Amino acid sequence: MFSTSPGRIHRLFEQKTLLAARVGGVLRVPVEFLEDGEPMPELRGTLIVLGDNGFTDDEAVRWMLTVDDAMGTTPIAALRAGRKAEVRRVAQSLL
């Protein structure tokens, strides 16, 4: 569960510390992006790389939650497993 003020959530989105996608018209943060009720620290750099490569927020969320053949798992699972450099390297190659 992620409970914080709407202002803080807005700042987390602006800083690319957290990302959400629209589901049925409502912004939703995937639970996989949270660790102990806070945004995963490893997430921010990857989200910045994806944004720099032209990904929309919805596209970035979709990529993070879809199995990537190069990694053999989802990027978010790879981040959770400590494979931050690999995830960012693959993200950078997505031009």
PDB file of N, CA and C in Angstrom:
ATOM      1  N   MET A   1       0.849  -1.181   0.000  1.00  0.00           N
ATOM      2  CA  MET A   1       0.000   0.000   0.000  1.00  0.00           C
ATOM      3  C   MET A   1       0.891   1.240   0.000  1.00  0.00           C
ATOM      4  N   PHE A   2       0.486   2.219  -0.750  1.00  0.00           N
ATOM      5  CA  PHE A   2       1.243   3.455  -0.879  1.00  0.00           C
ATOM      6  C   PHE A   2       0.336   4.587  -0.446  1.00  0.00           C
ATOM      7  N   SER A   3       0.578   5.098   0.746  1.00  0.00           N
ATOM      8  CA  SER A   3      -0.274   6.200   1.207  1.00  0.00           C
ATOM      9  C   SER A   3       0.600   7.405   1.519  1.00  0.00           C
ATOM     10  N   THR A   4       0.328   8.465   0.803  1.00  0.00           N
ATOM     11  CA  THR A   4       1.043   9.716   0.988  1.00  0.00           C
ATOM     12  C   THR A   4       0.154  10.835   0.447  1.00  0.00           C
ATOM     13  N   SER A   5       0.584  12.038   0.584  1.00  0.00           N
ATOM     14  CA  SER A   5      -0.239  13.163   0.133  1.00  0.00           C
ATOM     15  C   SER A   5      -0.245  13.254  -1.394  1.00  0.00           C
ATOM     16  N   PRO A   6      -1.331  13.762  -1.954  1.00  0.00           N
ATOM     17  CA  PRO A   6      -1.375  13.960  -3.407  1.00  0.00           C
ATOM     18  C   PRO A   6      -0.243  14.852  -3.908  1.00  0.00           C
ATOM     19  N   GLY A   7       0.145  15.851  -3.121  1.00  0.00           N
ATOM     20  CA  GLY A   7       1.243  16.730  -3.520  1.00  0.00           C
ATOM     21  C   GLY A   7       2.554  15.980  -3.658  1.00  0.00           C
ATOM     22  N   ARG A   8       2.826  15.088  -2.722  1.00  0.00           N
ATOM     23  CA  ARG A   8       4.065  14.303  -2.792  1.00  0.00           C
ATOM     24  C   ARG A   8       4.030  13.362  -3.994  1.00  0.00           C
ATOM     25  N   ILE A   9       2.891  12.740  -4.224  1.00  0.00           N
ATOM     26  CA  ILE A   9       2.770  11.841  -5.372  1.00  0.00           C
ATOM     27  C   ILE A   9       3.029  12.618  -6.662  1.00  0.00           C
ATOM     28  N   HIS A  10       2.473  13.814  -6.773  1.00  0.00           N
ATOM     29  CA  HIS A  10       2.694  14.652  -7.952  1.00  0.00           C
ATOM     30  C   HIS A  10       4.184  14.958  -8.127  1.00  0.00           C
ATOM     31  N   ARG A  11       4.873  15.284  -7.037  1.00  0.00           N
ATOM     32  CA  ARG A  11       6.323  15.554  -7.106  1.00  0.00           C
ATOM     33  C   ARG A  11       7.094  14.307  -7.538  1.00  0.00           C
ATOM     34  N   LEU A  12       6.709  13.149  -7.032  1.00  0.00           N
ATOM     35  CA  LEU A  12       7.377  11.902  -7.421  1.00  0.00           C
ATOM     36  C   LEU A  12       7.217  11.653  -8.917  1.00  0.00           C
ATOM     37  N   PHE A  13       6.035  11.946  -9.462  1.00  0.00           N
ATOM     38  CA  PHE A  13       5.823  11.817 -10.908  1.00  0.00           C
ATOM     39  C   PHE A  13       6.697  12.810 -11.670  1.00  0.00           C
ATOM     40  N   GLU A  14       6.725  14.070 -11.231  1.00  0.00           N
ATOM     41  CA  GLU A  14       7.524  15.106 -11.901  1.00  0.00           C
ATOM     42  C   GLU A  14       9.008  14.762 -11.899  1.00  0.00           C
ATOM     43  N   GLN A  15       9.489  14.180 -10.805  1.00  0.00           N
ATOM     44  CA  GLN A  15      10.910  13.851 -10.658  1.00  0.00           C
ATOM     45  C   GLN A  15      11.270  12.516 -11.303  1.00  0.00           C
ATOM     46  N   LYS A  16      10.296  11.849 -11.906  1.00  0.00           N
ATOM     47  CA  LYS A  16      10.492  10.520 -12.505  1.00  0.00           C
ATOM     48  C   LYS A  16      10.982   9.509 -11.466  1.00  0.00           C
ATOM     49  N   THR A  17      10.556   9.709 -10.233  1.00  0.00           N
ATOM     50  CA  THR A  17      10.851   8.755  -9.171  1.00  0.00           C
ATOM     51  C   THR A  17       9.799   7.663  -9.168  1.00  0.00           C
ATOM     52  N   LEU A  18       8.648   7.975  -9.726  1.00  0.00           N
ATOM     53  CA  LEU A  18       7.524   7.053  -9.769  1.00  0.00           C
ATOM     54  C   LEU A  18       6.750   7.316 -11.048  1.00  0.00           C
ATOM     55  N   LEU A  19       6.070   6.292 -11.521  1.00  0.00           N
ATOM     56  CA  LEU A  19       5.336   6.399 -12.771  1.00  0.00           C
ATOM     57  C   LEU A  19       3.997   5.704 -12.616  1.00  0.00           C
ATOM     58  N   ALA A  20       3.019   6.179 -13.331  1.00  0.00           N
ATOM     59  CA  ALA A  20       1.693   5.567 -13.322  1.00  0.00           C
ATOM     60  C   ALA A  20       1.190   5.480 -14.751  1.00  0.00           C
ATOM     61  N   ALA A  21       0.231   4.606 -14.958  1.00  0.00           N
ATOM     62  CA  ALA A  21      -0.407   4.470 -16.264  1.00  0.00           C
ATOM     63  C   ALA A  21      -1.913   4.590 -16.074  1.00  0.00           C
ATOM     64  N   ARG A  22      -2.573   5.053 -17.104  1.00  0.00           N
ATOM     65  CA  ARG A  22      -4.029   5.168 -17.041  1.00  0.00           C
ATOM     66  C   ARG A  22      -4.656   3.801 -17.303  1.00  0.00           C
ATOM     67  N   VAL A  23      -5.524   3.404 -16.392  1.00  0.00           N
ATOM     68  CA  VAL A  23      -6.298   2.174 -16.531  1.00  0.00           C
ATOM     69  C   VAL A  23      -7.752   2.566 -16.322  1.00  0.00           C
ATOM     70  N   GLY A  24      -8.545   2.457 -17.365  1.00  0.00           N
ATOM     71  CA  GLY A  24      -9.934   2.877 -17.264  1.00  0.00           C
ATOM     72  C   GLY A  24     -10.079   4.346 -16.933  1.00  0.00           C
ATOM     73  N   GLY A  25      -9.132   5.163 -17.407  1.00  0.00           N
ATOM     74  CA  GLY A  25      -9.186   6.597 -17.179  1.00  0.00           C
ATOM     75  C   GLY A  25      -8.625   7.054 -15.848  1.00  0.00           C
ATOM     76  N   VAL A  26      -8.175   6.110 -15.027  1.00  0.00           N
ATOM     77  CA  VAL A  26      -7.648   6.439 -13.699  1.00  0.00           C
ATOM     78  C   VAL A  26      -6.148   6.149 -13.669  1.00  0.00           C
ATOM     79  N   LEU A  27      -5.361   7.088 -13.138  1.00  0.00           N
ATOM     80  CA  LEU A  27      -3.917   6.851 -12.993  1.00  0.00           C
ATOM     81  C   LEU A  27      -3.681   5.811 -11.909  1.00  0.00           C
ATOM     82  N   ARG A  28      -2.897   4.795 -12.242  1.00  0.00           N
ATOM     83  CA  ARG A  28      -2.598   3.733 -11.284  1.00  0.00           C
ATOM     84  C   ARG A  28      -1.097   3.467 -11.274  1.00  0.00           C
ATOM     85  N   VAL A  29      -0.561   3.351 -10.073  1.00  0.00           N
ATOM     86  CA  VAL A  29       0.849   3.008  -9.891  1.00  0.00           C
ATOM     87  C   VAL A  29       0.932   1.497  -9.716  1.00  0.00           C
ATOM     88  N   PRO A  30       1.698   0.805 -10.557  1.00  0.00           N
ATOM     89  CA  PRO A  30       1.851  -0.636 -10.370  1.00  0.00           C
ATOM     90  C   PRO A  30       2.498  -0.941  -9.018  1.00  0.00           C
ATOM     91  N   VAL A  31       1.929  -1.891  -8.299  1.00  0.00           N
ATOM     92  CA  VAL A  31       2.452  -2.255  -6.981  1.00  0.00           C
ATOM     93  C   VAL A  31       3.902  -2.735  -7.086  1.00  0.00           C
ATOM     94  N   GLU A  32       4.269  -3.267  -8.243  1.00  0.00           N
ATOM     95  CA  GLU A  32       5.643  -3.742  -8.447  1.00  0.00           C
ATOM     96  C   GLU A  32       6.665  -2.620  -8.349  1.00  0.00           C
ATOM     97  N   PHE A  33       6.230  -1.377  -8.516  1.00  0.00           N
ATOM     98  CA  PHE A  33       7.134  -0.231  -8.458  1.00  0.00           C
ATOM     99  C   PHE A  33       7.429   0.212  -7.027  1.00  0.00           C
ATOM    100  N   LEU A  34       6.761  -0.404  -6.063  1.00  0.00           N
ATOM    101  CA  LEU A  34       6.909  -0.009  -4.663  1.00  0.00           C
ATOM    102  C   LEU A  34       7.666  -1.071  -3.878  1.00  0.00           C
ATOM    103  N   GLU A  35       8.407  -0.602  -2.900  1.00  0.00           N
ATOM    104  CA  GLU A  35       9.165  -1.478  -2.003  1.00  0.00           C
ATOM    105  C   GLU A  35       8.985  -0.924  -0.593  1.00  0.00           C
ATOM    106  N   ASP A  36       8.401  -1.718   0.278  1.00  0.00           N
ATOM    107  CA  ASP A  36       8.105  -1.266   1.644  1.00  0.00           C
ATOM    108  C   ASP A  36       7.292   0.027   1.648  1.00  0.00           C
ATOM    109  N   GLY A  37       6.347   0.129   0.713  1.00  0.00           N
ATOM    110  CA  GLY A  37       5.463   1.287   0.672  1.00  0.00           C
ATOM    111  C   GLY A  37       6.046   2.543   0.062  1.00  0.00           C
ATOM    112  N   GLU A  38       7.234   2.460  -0.495  1.00  0.00           N
ATOM    113  CA  GLU A  38       7.899   3.613  -1.120  1.00  0.00           C
ATOM    114  C   GLU A  38       8.352   3.229  -2.529  1.00  0.00           C
ATOM    115  N   PRO A  39       8.548   4.223  -3.411  1.00  0.00           N
ATOM    116  CA  PRO A  39       9.061   3.912  -4.748  1.00  0.00           C
ATOM    117  C   PRO A  39      10.430   3.239  -4.661  1.00  0.00           C
ATOM    118  N   MET A  40      10.640   2.228  -5.488  1.00  0.00           N
ATOM    119  CA  MET A  40      11.947   1.570  -5.535  1.00  0.00           C
ATOM    120  C   MET A  40      13.011   2.588  -5.923  1.00  0.00           C
ATOM    121  N   PRO A  41      14.105   2.683  -5.179  1.00  0.00           N
ATOM    122  CA  PRO A  41      15.143   3.670  -5.518  1.00  0.00           C
ATOM    123  C   PRO A  41      15.769   3.434  -6.892  1.00  0.00           C
ATOM    124  N   GLU A  42      15.830   2.180  -7.331  1.00  0.00           N
ATOM    125  CA  GLU A  42      16.452   1.847  -8.618  1.00  0.00           C
ATOM    126  C   GLU A  42      15.597   2.259  -9.810  1.00  0.00           C
ATOM    127  N   LEU A  43      14.354   2.581  -9.563  1.00  0.00           N
ATOM    128  CA  LEU A  43      13.408   2.865 -10.637  1.00  0.00           C
ATOM    129  C   LEU A  43      13.701   4.179 -11.357  1.00  0.00           C
ATOM    130  N   ARG A  44      14.095   5.197 -10.630  1.00  0.00           N
ATOM    131  CA  ARG A  44      14.214   6.550 -11.183  1.00  0.00           C
ATOM    132  C   ARG A  44      15.142   6.631 -12.399  1.00  0.00           C
ATOM    133  N   GLY A  45      16.331   6.118 -12.295  1.00  0.00           N
ATOM    134  CA  GLY A  45      17.278   6.201 -13.406  1.00  0.00           C
ATOM    135  C   GLY A  45      16.767   5.518 -14.658  1.00  0.00           C
ATOM    136  N   THR A  46      16.113   4.380 -14.471  1.00  0.00           N
ATOM    137  CA  THR A  46      15.556   3.657 -15.609  1.00  0.00           C
ATOM    138  C   THR A  46      14.428   4.453 -16.252  1.00  0.00           C
ATOM    139  N   LEU A  47      13.574   5.061 -15.437  1.00  0.00           N
ATOM    140  CA  LEU A  47      12.478   5.868 -15.981  1.00  0.00           C
ATOM    141  C   LEU A  47      13.008   7.077 -16.741  1.00  0.00           C
ATOM    142  N   ILE A  48      14.093   7.655 -16.265  1.00  0.00           N
ATOM    143  CA  ILE A  48      14.708   8.791 -16.966  1.00  0.00           C
ATOM    144  C   ILE A  48      15.248   8.345 -18.319  1.00  0.00           C
ATOM    145  N   VAL A  49      15.925   7.196 -18.360  1.00  0.00           N
ATOM    146  CA  VAL A  49      16.448   6.671 -19.628  1.00  0.00           C
ATOM    147  C   VAL A  49      15.308   6.442 -20.614  1.00  0.00           C
ATOM    148  N   LEU A  50      14.226   5.830 -20.154  1.00  0.00           N
ATOM    149  CA  LEU A  50      13.091   5.575 -21.044  1.00  0.00           C
ATOM    150  C   LEU A  50      12.489   6.884 -21.549  1.00  0.00           C
ATOM    151  N   GLY A  51      12.335   7.863 -20.675  1.00  0.00           N
ATOM    152  CA  GLY A  51      11.811   9.164 -21.086  1.00  0.00           C
ATOM    153  C   GLY A  51      12.718   9.841 -22.090  1.00  0.00           C
ATOM    154  N   ASP A  52      14.022   9.750 -21.866  1.00  0.00           N
ATOM    155  CA  ASP A  52      14.988  10.335 -22.804  1.00  0.00           C
ATOM    156  C   ASP A  52      14.908   9.663 -24.173  1.00  0.00           C
ATOM    157  N   ASN A  53      14.482   8.401 -24.192  1.00  0.00           N
ATOM    158  CA  ASN A  53      14.342   7.671 -25.455  1.00  0.00           C
ATOM    159  C   ASN A  53      12.970   7.877 -26.087  1.00  0.00           C
ATOM    160  N   GLY A  54      12.168   8.786 -25.536  1.00  0.00           N
ATOM    161  CA  GLY A  54      10.897   9.138 -26.145  1.00  0.00           C
ATOM    162  C   GLY A  54       9.698   8.327 -25.689  1.00  0.00           C
ATOM    163  N   PHE A  55       9.866   7.491 -24.686  1.00  0.00           N
ATOM    164  CA  PHE A  55       8.743   6.702 -24.183  1.00  0.00           C
ATOM    165  C   PHE A  55       7.757   7.599 -23.438  1.00  0.00           C
ATOM    166  N   THR A  56       6.474   7.408 -23.685  1.00  0.00           N
ATOM    167  CA  THR A  56       5.460   8.060 -22.862  1.00  0.00           C
ATOM    168  C   THR A  56       5.402   7.312 -21.527  1.00  0.00           C
ATOM    169  N   ASP A  57       4.716   7.880 -20.558  1.00  0.00           N
ATOM    170  CA  ASP A  57       4.579   7.192 -19.274  1.00  0.00           C
ATOM    171  C   ASP A  57       3.904   5.838 -19.447  1.00  0.00           C
ATOM    172  N   ASP A  58       2.833   5.792 -20.240  1.00  0.00           N
ATOM    173  CA  ASP A  58       2.133   4.522 -20.463  1.00  0.00           C
ATOM    174  C   ASP A  58       3.045   3.497 -21.128  1.00  0.00           C
ATOM    175  N   GLU A  59       3.829   3.925 -22.109  1.00  0.00           N
ATOM    176  CA  GLU A  59       4.758   3.008 -22.783  1.00  0.00           C
ATOM    177  C   GLU A  59       5.834   2.516 -21.825  1.00  0.00           C
ATOM    178  N   ALA A  60       6.335   3.398 -20.979  1.00  0.00           N
ATOM    179  CA  ALA A  60       7.370   3.010 -20.018  1.00  0.00           C
ATOM    180  C   ALA A  60       6.830   1.995 -19.016  1.00  0.00           C
ATOM    181  N   VAL A  61       5.621   2.229 -18.516  1.00  0.00           N
ATOM    182  CA  VAL A  61       5.018   1.271 -17.581  1.00  0.00           C
ATOM    183  C   VAL A  61       4.844  -0.073 -18.272  1.00  0.00           C
ATOM    184  N   ARG A  62       4.331  -0.056 -19.484  1.00  0.00           N
ATOM    185  CA  ARG A  62       4.126  -1.303 -20.229  1.00  0.00           C
ATOM    186  C   ARG A  62       5.451  -2.040 -20.413  1.00  0.00           C
ATOM    187  N   TRP A  63       6.514  -1.320 -20.795  1.00  0.00           N
ATOM    188  CA  TRP A  63       7.813  -1.963 -20.995  1.00  0.00           C
ATOM    189  C   TRP A  63       8.329  -2.560 -19.688  1.00  0.00           C
ATOM    190  N   MET A  64       8.191  -1.821 -18.601  1.00  0.00           N
ATOM    191  CA  MET A  64       8.691  -2.299 -17.308  1.00  0.00           C
ATOM    192  C   MET A  64       8.000  -3.583 -16.858  1.00  0.00           C
ATOM    193  N   LEU A  65       6.766  -3.801 -17.303  1.00  0.00           N
ATOM    194  CA  LEU A  65       5.974  -4.944 -16.839  1.00  0.00           C
ATOM    195  C   LEU A  65       5.864  -6.074 -17.861  1.00  0.00           C
ATOM    196  N   THR A  66       6.554  -5.934 -18.997  1.00  0.00           N
ATOM    197  CA  THR A  66       6.507  -6.942 -20.058  1.00  0.00           C
ATOM    198  C   THR A  66       7.834  -7.692 -20.112  1.00  0.00           C
ATOM    199  N   VAL A  67       7.754  -9.012 -20.254  1.00  0.00           N
ATOM    200  CA  VAL A  67       8.978  -9.819 -20.337  1.00  0.00           C
ATOM    201  C   VAL A  67       9.805  -9.357 -21.529  1.00  0.00           C
ATOM    202  N   ASP A  68      11.077  -9.110 -21.275  1.00  0.00           N
ATOM    203  CA  ASP A  68      12.026  -8.701 -22.311  1.00  0.00           C
ATOM    204  C   ASP A  68      12.893  -9.906 -22.652  1.00  0.00           C
ATOM    205  N   ASP A  69      12.969 -10.250 -23.935  1.00  0.00           N
ATOM    206  CA  ASP A  69      13.728 -11.425 -24.357  1.00  0.00           C
ATOM    207  C   ASP A  69      15.194 -11.348 -23.956  1.00  0.00           C
ATOM    208  N   ALA A  70      15.793 -10.167 -24.049  1.00  0.00           N
ATOM    209  CA  ALA A  70      17.217 -10.013 -23.722  1.00  0.00           C
ATOM    210  C   ALA A  70      17.497 -10.305 -22.250  1.00  0.00           C
ATOM    211  N   MET A  71      16.533  -9.988 -21.378  1.00  0.00           N
ATOM    212  CA  MET A  71      16.723 -10.196 -19.936  1.00  0.00           C
ATOM    213  C   MET A  71      16.110 -11.498 -19.448  1.00  0.00           C
ATOM    214  N   GLY A  72      15.166 -12.040 -20.220  1.00  0.00           N
ATOM    215  CA  GLY A  72      14.511 -13.272 -19.813  1.00  0.00           C
ATOM    216  C   GLY A  72      13.502 -13.089 -18.687  1.00  0.00           C
ATOM    217  N   THR A  73      13.148 -11.870 -18.406  1.00  0.00           N
ATOM    218  CA  THR A  73      12.185 -11.541 -17.357  1.00  0.00           C
ATOM    219  C   THR A  73      11.676 -10.131 -17.610  1.00  0.00           C
ATOM    220  N   THR A  74      10.817  -9.646 -16.742  1.00  0.00           N
ATOM    221  CA  THR A  74      10.373  -8.260 -16.882  1.00  0.00           C
ATOM    222  C   THR A  74      11.467  -7.333 -16.364  1.00  0.00           C
ATOM    223  N   PRO A  75      11.576  -6.149 -16.917  1.00  0.00           N
ATOM    224  CA  PRO A  75      12.570  -5.206 -16.411  1.00  0.00           C
ATOM    225  C   PRO A  75      12.401  -4.905 -14.917  1.00  0.00           C
ATOM    226  N   ILE A  76      11.165  -4.806 -14.434  1.00  0.00           N
ATOM    227  CA  ILE A  76      10.979  -4.516 -13.014  1.00  0.00           C
ATOM    228  C   ILE A  76      11.468  -5.679 -12.156  1.00  0.00           C
ATOM    229  N   ALA A  77      11.262  -6.916 -12.615  1.00  0.00           N
ATOM    230  CA  ALA A  77      11.768  -8.076 -11.871  1.00  0.00           C
ATOM    231  C   ALA A  77      13.294  -8.084 -11.882  1.00  0.00           C
ATOM    232  N   ALA A  78      13.884  -7.711 -13.015  1.00  0.00           N
ATOM    233  CA  ALA A  78      15.343  -7.643 -13.093  1.00  0.00           C
ATOM    234  C   ALA A  78      15.881  -6.568 -12.147  1.00  0.00           C
ATOM    235  N   LEU A  79      15.209  -5.417 -12.065  1.00  0.00           N
ATOM    236  CA  LEU A  79      15.630  -4.379 -11.113  1.00  0.00           C
ATOM    237  C   LEU A  79      15.564  -4.908  -9.686  1.00  0.00           C
ATOM    238  N   ARG A  80      14.483  -5.603  -9.362  1.00  0.00           N
ATOM    239  CA  ARG A  80      14.324  -6.160  -8.016  1.00  0.00           C
ATOM    240  C   ARG A  80      15.412  -7.188  -7.699  1.00  0.00           C
ATOM    241  N   ALA A  81      15.928  -7.838  -8.749  1.00  0.00           N
ATOM    242  CA  ALA A  81      16.971  -8.851  -8.576  1.00  0.00           C
ATOM    243  C   ALA A  81      18.372  -8.243  -8.555  1.00  0.00           C
ATOM    244  N   GLY A  82      18.462  -6.910  -8.596  1.00  0.00           N
ATOM    245  CA  GLY A  82      19.762  -6.253  -8.527  1.00  0.00           C
ATOM    246  C   GLY A  82      20.464  -6.098  -9.861  1.00  0.00           C
ATOM    247  N   ARG A  83      19.736  -6.212 -10.958  1.00  0.00           N
ATOM    248  CA  ARG A  83      20.329  -6.141 -12.293  1.00  0.00           C
ATOM    249  C   ARG A  83      20.114  -4.767 -12.938  1.00  0.00           C
ATOM    250  N   LYS A  84      20.319  -3.716 -12.148  1.00  0.00           N
ATOM    251  CA  LYS A  84      20.060  -2.343 -12.585  1.00  0.00           C
ATOM    252  C   LYS A  84      20.839  -1.967 -13.847  1.00  0.00           C
ATOM    253  N   ALA A  85      22.124  -2.275 -13.896  1.00  0.00           N
ATOM    254  CA  ALA A  85      22.940  -1.899 -15.056  1.00  0.00           C
ATOM    255  C   ALA A  85      22.431  -2.575 -16.325  1.00  0.00           C
ATOM    256  N   GLU A  86      22.056  -3.831 -16.224  1.00  0.00           N
ATOM    257  CA  GLU A  86      21.534  -4.556 -17.386  1.00  0.00           C
ATOM    258  C   GLU A  86      20.222  -3.942 -17.872  1.00  0.00           C
ATOM    259  N   VAL A  87      19.333  -3.631 -16.944  1.00  0.00           N
ATOM    260  CA  VAL A  87      18.040  -3.038 -17.308  1.00  0.00           C
ATOM    261  C   VAL A  87      18.264  -1.711 -18.019  1.00  0.00           C
ATOM    262  N   ARG A  88      19.134  -0.888 -17.501  1.00  0.00           N
ATOM    263  CA  ARG A  88      19.377   0.425 -18.118  1.00  0.00           C
ATOM    264  C   ARG A  88      20.081   0.293 -19.463  1.00  0.00           C
ATOM    265  N   ARG A  89      20.958  -0.686 -19.585  1.00  0.00           N
ATOM    266  CA  ARG A  89      21.630  -0.916 -20.867  1.00  0.00           C
ATOM    267  C   ARG A  89      20.596  -1.315 -21.929  1.00  0.00           C
ATOM    268  N   VAL A  90      19.690  -2.217 -21.572  1.00  0.00           N
ATOM    269  CA  VAL A  90      18.640  -2.622 -22.510  1.00  0.00           C
ATOM    270  C   VAL A  90      17.729  -1.433 -22.820  1.00  0.00           C
ATOM    271  N   ALA A  91      17.367  -0.654 -21.811  1.00  0.00           N
ATOM    272  CA  ALA A  91      16.507   0.520 -22.018  1.00  0.00           C
ATOM    273  C   ALA A  91      17.170   1.513 -22.969  1.00  0.00           C
ATOM    274  N   GLN A  92      18.479   1.699 -22.843  1.00  0.00           N
ATOM    275  CA  GLN A  92      19.194   2.634 -23.721  1.00  0.00           C
ATOM    276  C   GLN A  92      19.212   2.152 -25.166  1.00  0.00           C
ATOM    277  N   SER A  93      19.112   0.846 -25.367  1.00  0.00           N
ATOM    278  CA  SER A  93      19.166   0.302 -26.724  1.00  0.00           C
ATOM    279  C   SER A  93      17.818   0.364 -27.437  1.00  0.00           C
ATOM    280  N   LEU A  94      16.800   0.885 -26.784  1.00  0.00           N
ATOM    281  CA  LEU A  94      15.443   0.880 -27.337  1.00  0.00           C
ATOM    282  C   LEU A  94      15.129   2.098 -28.198  1.00  0.00           C
ATOM    283  N   LEU A  95      16.089   2.685 -28.825  1.00  0.00           N
ATOM    284  CA  LEU A  95      15.850   3.869 -29.672  1.00  0.00           C
ATOM    285  C   LEU A  95      15.052   3.540 -30.899  1.00  0.00           C
TER     286      LEU A  95
END
